[in-house]
Amino acid sequence: MTSDQLRQALGELNGERDLGVVFSNVHSPVPGVSSLEVKKAMLIPDEADHLVKVTDGKSVFIIDAERVAWIRIGLR
């Protein structure tokens, strides 16, 4: 997946839905944990660095589009 494709898929994040991302080919210090959950996620508009960034209002998460296996919008 490209950054543009991921940004398009995350375009509906407006702070009202949760985001779950599962990564492939990621080595984690905790076996089996290669995912990210962001509560009330918002997509940060494209900036000069062209990184895909989401925020929960407290932290900014940078997502490597090439490592995304799948995403889920609207977690429980």
PDB file of N, CA and C in Angstrom:
ATOM      1  N   MET A   1       0.851  -1.167   0.000  1.00  0.00           N
ATOM      2  CA  MET A   1       0.000   0.000   0.000  1.00  0.00           C
ATOM      3  C   MET A   1       0.901   1.235   0.000  1.00  0.00           C
ATOM      4  N   THR A   2       0.508   2.230  -0.771  1.00  0.00           N
ATOM      5  CA  THR A   2       1.280   3.468  -0.803  1.00  0.00           C
ATOM      6  C   THR A   2       0.751   4.437   0.256  1.00  0.00           C
ATOM      7  N   SER A   3       1.531   5.457   0.524  1.00  0.00           N
ATOM      8  CA  SER A   3       1.089   6.479   1.478  1.00  0.00           C
ATOM      9  C   SER A   3      -0.188   7.157   1.001  1.00  0.00           C
ATOM     10  N   ASP A   4      -0.289   7.418  -0.299  1.00  0.00           N
ATOM     11  CA  ASP A   4      -1.499   8.053  -0.831  1.00  0.00           C
ATOM     12  C   ASP A   4      -2.717   7.165  -0.657  1.00  0.00           C
ATOM     13  N   GLN A   5      -2.559   5.861  -0.896  1.00  0.00           N
ATOM     14  CA  GLN A   5      -3.675   4.929  -0.720  1.00  0.00           C
ATOM     15  C   GLN A   5      -4.093   4.857   0.742  1.00  0.00           C
ATOM     16  N   LEU A   6      -3.114   4.810   1.645  1.00  0.00           N
ATOM     17  CA  LEU A   6      -3.432   4.750   3.069  1.00  0.00           C
ATOM     18  C   LEU A   6      -4.107   6.040   3.513  1.00  0.00           C
ATOM     19  N   ARG A   7      -3.597   7.167   3.073  1.00  0.00           N
ATOM     20  CA  ARG A   7      -4.198   8.446   3.430  1.00  0.00           C
ATOM     21  C   ARG A   7      -5.652   8.505   2.952  1.00  0.00           C
ATOM     22  N   GLN A   8      -5.915   7.993   1.753  1.00  0.00           N
ATOM     23  CA  GLN A   8      -7.283   7.969   1.239  1.00  0.00           C
ATOM     24  C   GLN A   8      -8.166   7.071   2.104  1.00  0.00           C
ATOM     25  N   ALA A   9      -7.654   5.909   2.484  1.00  0.00           N
ATOM     26  CA  ALA A   9      -8.434   4.983   3.314  1.00  0.00           C
ATOM     27  C   ALA A   9      -8.729   5.566   4.691  1.00  0.00           C
ATOM     28  N   LEU A  10      -7.801   6.349   5.217  1.00  0.00           N
ATOM     29  CA  LEU A  10      -7.976   6.931   6.548  1.00  0.00           C
ATOM     30  C   LEU A  10      -8.693   8.277   6.508  1.00  0.00           C
ATOM     31  N   GLY A  11      -9.072   8.720   5.337  1.00  0.00           N
ATOM     32  CA  GLY A  11      -9.674  10.033   5.161  1.00  0.00           C
ATOM     33  C   GLY A  11     -10.935  10.277   5.961  1.00  0.00           C
ATOM     34  N   GLU A  12     -11.636   9.233   6.338  1.00  0.00           N
ATOM     35  CA  GLU A  12     -12.880   9.431   7.084  1.00  0.00           C
ATOM     36  C   GLU A  12     -12.662   9.544   8.595  1.00  0.00           C
ATOM     37  N   LEU A  13     -11.417   9.466   9.039  1.00  0.00           N
ATOM     38  CA  LEU A  13     -11.150   9.613  10.472  1.00  0.00           C
ATOM     39  C   LEU A  13     -11.315  11.079  10.858  1.00  0.00           C
ATOM     40  N   ASN A  14     -12.260  11.332  11.745  1.00  0.00           N
ATOM     41  CA  ASN A  14     -12.554  12.708  12.133  1.00  0.00           C
ATOM     42  C   ASN A  14     -12.654  12.884  13.646  1.00  0.00           C
ATOM     43  N   GLY A  15     -12.075  11.963  14.379  1.00  0.00           N
ATOM     44  CA  GLY A  15     -12.107  12.050  15.829  1.00  0.00           C
ATOM     45  C   GLY A  15     -13.286  11.354  16.464  1.00  0.00           C
ATOM     46  N   GLU A  16     -14.145  10.749  15.663  1.00  0.00           N
ATOM     47  CA  GLU A  16     -15.321  10.063  16.197  1.00  0.00           C
ATOM     48  C   GLU A  16     -15.190   8.548  16.162  1.00  0.00           C
ATOM     49  N   ARG A  17     -14.172   8.045  15.456  1.00  0.00           N
ATOM     50  CA  ARG A  17     -13.991   6.596  15.325  1.00  0.00           C
ATOM     51  C   ARG A  17     -12.608   6.197  15.806  1.00  0.00           C
ATOM     52  N   ASP A  18     -12.502   4.943  16.208  1.00  0.00           N
ATOM     53  CA  ASP A  18     -11.215   4.387  16.604  1.00  0.00           C
ATOM     54  C   ASP A  18     -10.554   3.741  15.395  1.00  0.00           C
ATOM     55  N   LEU A  19      -9.242   3.619  15.457  1.00  0.00           N
ATOM     56  CA  LEU A  19      -8.464   3.038  14.368  1.00  0.00           C
ATOM     57  C   LEU A  19      -7.642   1.879  14.901  1.00  0.00           C
ATOM     58  N   GLY A  20      -7.650   0.785  14.178  1.00  0.00           N
ATOM     59  CA  GLY A  20      -6.766  -0.347  14.458  1.00  0.00           C
ATOM     60  C   GLY A  20      -5.932  -0.632  13.222  1.00  0.00           C
ATOM     61  N   VAL A  21      -4.635  -0.784  13.409  1.00  0.00           N
ATOM     62  CA  VAL A  21      -3.721  -1.061  12.301  1.00  0.00           C
ATOM     63  C   VAL A  21      -2.900  -2.290  12.666  1.00  0.00           C
ATOM     64  N   VAL A  22      -2.817  -3.245  11.750  1.00  0.00           N
ATOM     65  CA  VAL A  22      -1.955  -4.417  11.934  1.00  0.00           C
ATOM     66  C   VAL A  22      -0.857  -4.321  10.892  1.00  0.00           C
ATOM     67  N   PHE A  23       0.371  -4.529  11.361  1.00  0.00           N
ATOM     68  CA  PHE A  23       1.541  -4.402  10.496  1.00  0.00           C
ATOM     69  C   PHE A  23       2.099  -5.772  10.132  1.00  0.00           C
ATOM     70  N   SER A  24       2.683  -5.852   8.955  1.00  0.00           N
ATOM     71  CA  SER A  24       3.378  -7.073   8.541  1.00  0.00           C
ATOM     72  C   SER A  24       4.867  -6.789   8.510  1.00  0.00           C
ATOM     73  N   ASN A  25       5.656  -7.820   8.689  1.00  0.00           N
ATOM     74  CA  ASN A  25       7.122  -7.719   8.657  1.00  0.00           C
ATOM     75  C   ASN A  25       7.665  -6.711   9.652  1.00  0.00           C
ATOM     76  N   VAL A  26       7.089  -6.700  10.857  1.00  0.00           N
ATOM     77  CA  VAL A  26       7.563  -5.813  11.913  1.00  0.00           C
ATOM     78  C   VAL A  26       8.054  -6.674  13.060  1.00  0.00           C
ATOM     79  N   HIS A  27       9.256  -6.423  13.493  1.00  0.00           N
ATOM     80  CA  HIS A  27       9.815  -7.158  14.629  1.00  0.00           C
ATOM     81  C   HIS A  27       9.470  -6.402  15.908  1.00  0.00           C
ATOM     82  N   SER A  28       8.754  -7.062  16.782  1.00  0.00           N
ATOM     83  CA  SER A  28       8.274  -6.441  18.000  1.00  0.00           C
ATOM     84  C   SER A  28       8.966  -7.048  19.207  1.00  0.00           C
ATOM     85  N   PRO A  29       9.254  -6.229  20.229  1.00  0.00           N
ATOM     86  CA  PRO A  29       9.847  -6.783  21.453  1.00  0.00           C
ATOM     87  C   PRO A  29       8.887  -7.697  22.205  1.00  0.00           C
ATOM     88  N   VAL A  30       7.597  -7.556  21.918  1.00  0.00           N
ATOM     89  CA  VAL A  30       6.585  -8.410  22.528  1.00  0.00           C
ATOM     90  C   VAL A  30       6.072  -9.353  21.441  1.00  0.00           C
ATOM     91  N   PRO A  31       6.326 -10.663  21.575  1.00  0.00           N
ATOM     92  CA  PRO A  31       5.900 -11.604  20.529  1.00  0.00           C
ATOM     93  C   PRO A  31       4.413 -11.490  20.213  1.00  0.00           C
ATOM     94  N   GLY A  32       4.121 -11.419  18.928  1.00  0.00           N
ATOM     95  CA  GLY A  32       2.739 -11.377  18.480  1.00  0.00           C
ATOM     96  C   GLY A  32       2.090 -10.003  18.496  1.00  0.00           C
ATOM     97  N   VAL A  33       2.800  -9.004  19.004  1.00  0.00           N
ATOM     98  CA  VAL A  33       2.223  -7.669  19.060  1.00  0.00           C
ATOM     99  C   VAL A  33       2.843  -6.806  17.972  1.00  0.00           C
ATOM    100  N   SER A  34       2.122  -6.633  16.913  1.00  0.00           N
ATOM    101  CA  SER A  34       2.571  -5.769  15.821  1.00  0.00           C
ATOM    102  C   SER A  34       1.377  -4.981  15.310  1.00  0.00           C
ATOM    103  N   SER A  35       0.687  -4.369  16.268  1.00  0.00           N
ATOM    104  CA  SER A  35      -0.507  -3.614  15.914  1.00  0.00           C
ATOM    105  C   SER A  35      -0.549  -2.309  16.686  1.00  0.00           C
ATOM    106  N   LEU A  36      -1.446  -1.447  16.272  1.00  0.00           N
ATOM    107  CA  LEU A  36      -1.612  -0.137  16.877  1.00  0.00           C
ATOM    108  C   LEU A  36      -3.099   0.149  16.975  1.00  0.00           C
ATOM    109  N   GLU A  37      -3.533   0.665  18.121  1.00  0.00           N
ATOM    110  CA  GLU A  37      -4.911   1.124  18.278  1.00  0.00           C
ATOM    111  C   GLU A  37      -4.879   2.588  18.684  1.00  0.00           C
ATOM    112  N   VAL A  38      -5.676   3.395  18.008  1.00  0.00           N
ATOM    113  CA  VAL A  38      -5.763   4.817  18.311  1.00  0.00           C
ATOM    114  C   VAL A  38      -7.229   5.145  18.544  1.00  0.00           C
ATOM    115  N   LYS A  39      -7.550   5.547  19.747  1.00  0.00           N
ATOM    116  CA  LYS A  39      -8.928   5.909  20.097  1.00  0.00           C
ATOM    117  C   LYS A  39      -9.250   7.288  19.546  1.00  0.00           C
ATOM    118  N   LYS A  40     -10.453   7.466  19.022  1.00  0.00           N
ATOM    119  CA  LYS A  40     -10.916   8.745  18.487  1.00  0.00           C
ATOM    120  C   LYS A  40      -9.866   9.366  17.554  1.00  0.00           C
ATOM    121  N   ALA A  41      -9.458   8.592  16.586  1.00  0.00           N
ATOM    122  CA  ALA A  41      -8.370   8.985  15.685  1.00  0.00           C
ATOM    123  C   ALA A  41      -8.779  10.057  14.689  1.00  0.00           C
ATOM    124  N   MET A  42      -7.810  10.909  14.387  1.00  0.00           N
ATOM    125  CA  MET A  42      -7.979  11.934  13.359  1.00  0.00           C
ATOM    126  C   MET A  42      -6.770  11.870  12.438  1.00  0.00           C
ATOM    127  N   LEU A  43      -7.023  11.917  11.143  1.00  0.00           N
ATOM    128  CA  LEU A  43      -5.940  11.962  10.167  1.00  0.00           C
ATOM    129  C   LEU A  43      -5.405  13.381  10.108  1.00  0.00           C
ATOM    130  N   ILE A  44      -4.089  13.519  10.228  1.00  0.00           N
ATOM    131  CA  ILE A  44      -3.451  14.830  10.116  1.00  0.00           C
ATOM    132  C   ILE A  44      -3.280  15.125   8.629  1.00  0.00           C
ATOM    133  N   PRO A  45      -3.704  16.296   8.183  1.00  0.00           N
ATOM    134  CA  PRO A  45      -3.563  16.626   6.758  1.00  0.00           C
ATOM    135  C   PRO A  45      -2.119  16.481   6.276  1.00  0.00           C
ATOM    136  N   ASP A  46      -1.981  16.212   4.988  1.00  0.00           N
ATOM    137  CA  ASP A  46      -0.659  16.026   4.382  1.00  0.00           C
ATOM    138  C   ASP A  46       0.211  17.246   4.638  1.00  0.00           C
ATOM    139  N   GLU A  47       1.429  16.991   5.093  1.00  0.00           N
ATOM    140  CA  GLU A  47       2.397  18.047   5.376  1.00  0.00           C
ATOM    141  C   GLU A  47       3.574  17.911   4.416  1.00  0.00           C
ATOM    142  N   ALA A  48       4.526  18.803   4.521  1.00  0.00           N
ATOM    143  CA  ALA A  48       5.686  18.823   3.622  1.00  0.00           C
ATOM    144  C   ALA A  48       6.483  17.523   3.652  1.00  0.00           C
ATOM    145  N   ASP A  49       6.465  16.798   4.792  1.00  0.00           N
ATOM    146  CA  ASP A  49       7.229  15.546   4.899  1.00  0.00           C
ATOM    147  C   ASP A  49       6.501  14.363   4.261  1.00  0.00           C
ATOM    148  N   HIS A  50       5.214  14.514   3.940  1.00  0.00           N
ATOM    149  CA  HIS A  50       4.373  13.499   3.287  1.00  0.00           C
ATOM    150  C   HIS A  50       4.263  12.194   4.084  1.00  0.00           C
ATOM    151  N   LEU A  51       4.487  12.240   5.393  1.00  0.00           N
ATOM    152  CA  LEU A  51       4.288  11.068   6.246  1.00  0.00           C
ATOM    153  C   LEU A  51       2.810  10.938   6.576  1.00  0.00           C
ATOM    154  N   VAL A  52       2.340   9.705   6.736  1.00  0.00           N
ATOM    155  CA  VAL A  52       0.949   9.474   7.133  1.00  0.00           C
ATOM    156  C   VAL A  52       0.911   9.532   8.662  1.00  0.00           C
ATOM    157  N   LYS A  53       0.174  10.511   9.176  1.00  0.00           N
ATOM    158  CA  LYS A  53       0.117  10.726  10.618  1.00  0.00           C
ATOM    159  C   LYS A  53      -1.328  10.756  11.079  1.00  0.00           C
ATOM    160  N   VAL A  54      -1.578  10.119  12.220  1.00  0.00           N
ATOM    161  CA  VAL A  54      -2.881  10.198  12.874  1.00  0.00           C
ATOM    162  C   VAL A  54      -2.645  10.636  14.311  1.00  0.00           C
ATOM    163  N   THR A  55      -3.674  11.209  14.911  1.00  0.00           N
ATOM    164  CA  THR A  55      -3.556  11.674  16.286  1.00  0.00           C
ATOM    165  C   THR A  55      -4.814  11.331  17.063  1.00  0.00           C
ATOM    166  N   ASP A  56      -4.653  11.210  18.367  1.00  0.00           N
ATOM    167  CA  ASP A  56      -5.798  11.060  19.267  1.00  0.00           C
ATOM    168  C   ASP A  56      -5.981  12.350  20.069  1.00  0.00           C
ATOM    169  N   GLY A  57      -5.236  13.384  19.699  1.00  0.00           N
ATOM    170  CA  GLY A  57      -5.285  14.650  20.410  1.00  0.00           C
ATOM    171  C   GLY A  57      -4.221  14.773  21.472  1.00  0.00           C
ATOM    172  N   LYS A  58      -3.605  13.654  21.822  1.00  0.00           N
ATOM    173  CA  LYS A  58      -2.554  13.645  22.838  1.00  0.00           C
ATOM    174  C   LYS A  58      -1.211  13.271  22.242  1.00  0.00           C
ATOM    175  N   SER A  59      -1.230  12.354  21.299  1.00  0.00           N
ATOM    176  CA  SER A  59      -0.014  11.854  20.661  1.00  0.00           C
ATOM    177  C   SER A  59      -0.201  11.839  19.160  1.00  0.00           C
ATOM    178  N   VAL A  60       0.915  11.828  18.440  1.00  0.00           N
ATOM    179  CA  VAL A  60       0.898  11.695  16.982  1.00  0.00           C
ATOM    180  C   VAL A  60       1.532  10.357  16.648  1.00  0.00           C
ATOM    181  N   PHE A  61       0.883   9.599  15.782  1.00  0.00           N
ATOM    182  CA  PHE A  61       1.373   8.295  15.369  1.00  0.00           C
ATOM    183  C   PHE A  61       1.706   8.361  13.884  1.00  0.00           C
ATOM    184  N   ILE A  62       2.918   7.966  13.527  1.00  0.00           N
ATOM    185  CA  ILE A  62       3.350   7.948  12.133  1.00  0.00           C
ATOM    186  C   ILE A  62       3.245   6.512  11.644  1.00  0.00           C
ATOM    187  N   ILE A  63       2.555   6.312  10.541  1.00  0.00           N
ATOM    188  CA  ILE A  63       2.292   4.959  10.034  1.00  0.00           C
ATOM    189  C   ILE A  63       3.064   4.740   8.750  1.00  0.00           C
ATOM    190  N   ASP A  64       3.845   3.658   8.721  1.00  0.00           N
ATOM    191  CA  ASP A  64       4.599   3.259   7.533  1.00  0.00           C
ATOM    192  C   ASP A  64       3.657   2.470   6.628  1.00  0.00           C
ATOM    193  N   ALA A  65       3.177   3.118   5.594  1.00  0.00           N
ATOM    194  CA  ALA A  65       2.156   2.536   4.721  1.00  0.00           C
ATOM    195  C   ALA A  65       2.584   1.199   4.119  1.00  0.00           C
ATOM    196  N   GLU A  66       3.853   1.050   3.811  1.00  0.00           N
ATOM    197  CA  GLU A  66       4.324  -0.174   3.172  1.00  0.00           C
ATOM    198  C   GLU A  66       4.247  -1.386   4.096  1.00  0.00           C
ATOM    199  N   ARG A  67       4.152  -1.164   5.398  1.00  0.00           N
ATOM    200  CA  ARG A  67       4.104  -2.274   6.356  1.00  0.00           C
ATOM    201  C   ARG A  67       2.695  -2.589   6.853  1.00  0.00           C
ATOM    202  N   VAL A  68       1.700  -1.855   6.382  1.00  0.00           N
ATOM    203  CA  VAL A  68       0.325  -2.082   6.832  1.00  0.00           C
ATOM    204  C   VAL A  68      -0.227  -3.337   6.169  1.00  0.00           C
ATOM    205  N   ALA A  69      -0.661  -4.295   7.003  1.00  0.00           N
ATOM    206  CA  ALA A  69      -1.305  -5.514   6.494  1.00  0.00           C
ATOM    207  C   ALA A  69      -2.800  -5.246   6.314  1.00  0.00           C
ATOM    208  N   TRP A  70      -3.426  -4.641   7.323  1.00  0.00           N
ATOM    209  CA  TRP A  70      -4.825  -4.254   7.216  1.00  0.00           C
ATOM    210  C   TRP A  70      -5.161  -3.218   8.281  1.00  0.00           C
ATOM    211  N   ILE A  71      -6.276  -2.515   8.078  1.00  0.00           N
ATOM    212  CA  ILE A  71      -6.743  -1.524   9.030  1.00  0.00           C
ATOM    213  C   ILE A  71      -8.207  -1.774   9.351  1.00  0.00           C
ATOM    214  N   ARG A  72      -8.610  -1.285  10.507  1.00  0.00           N
ATOM    215  CA  ARG A  72     -10.015  -1.350  10.896  1.00  0.00           C
ATOM    216  C   ARG A  72     -10.402   0.001  11.457  1.00  0.00           C
ATOM    217  N   ILE A  73     -11.450   0.557  10.939  1.00  0.00           N
ATOM    218  CA  ILE A  73     -11.945   1.846  11.402  1.00  0.00           C
ATOM    219  C   ILE A  73     -13.261   1.592  12.124  1.00  0.00           C
ATOM    220  N   GLY A  74     -13.357   2.079  13.366  1.00  0.00           N
ATOM    221  CA  GLY A  74     -14.580   1.892  14.147  1.00  0.00           C
ATOM    222  C   GLY A  74     -14.484   0.729  15.105  1.00  0.00           C
ATOM    223  N   LEU A  75     -13.418   0.661  15.885  1.00  0.00           N
ATOM    224  CA  LEU A  75     -13.264  -0.407  16.868  1.00  0.00           C
ATOM    225  C   LEU A  75     -14.322  -0.288  17.948  1.00  0.00           C
ATOM    226  N   ARG A  76     -14.470  -1.338  18.701  1.00  0.00           N
ATOM    227  CA  ARG A  76     -15.435  -1.342  19.803  1.00  0.00           C
ATOM    228  C   ARG A  76     -15.076  -0.368  20.858  1.00  0.00           C
TER     229      ARG A  76
END
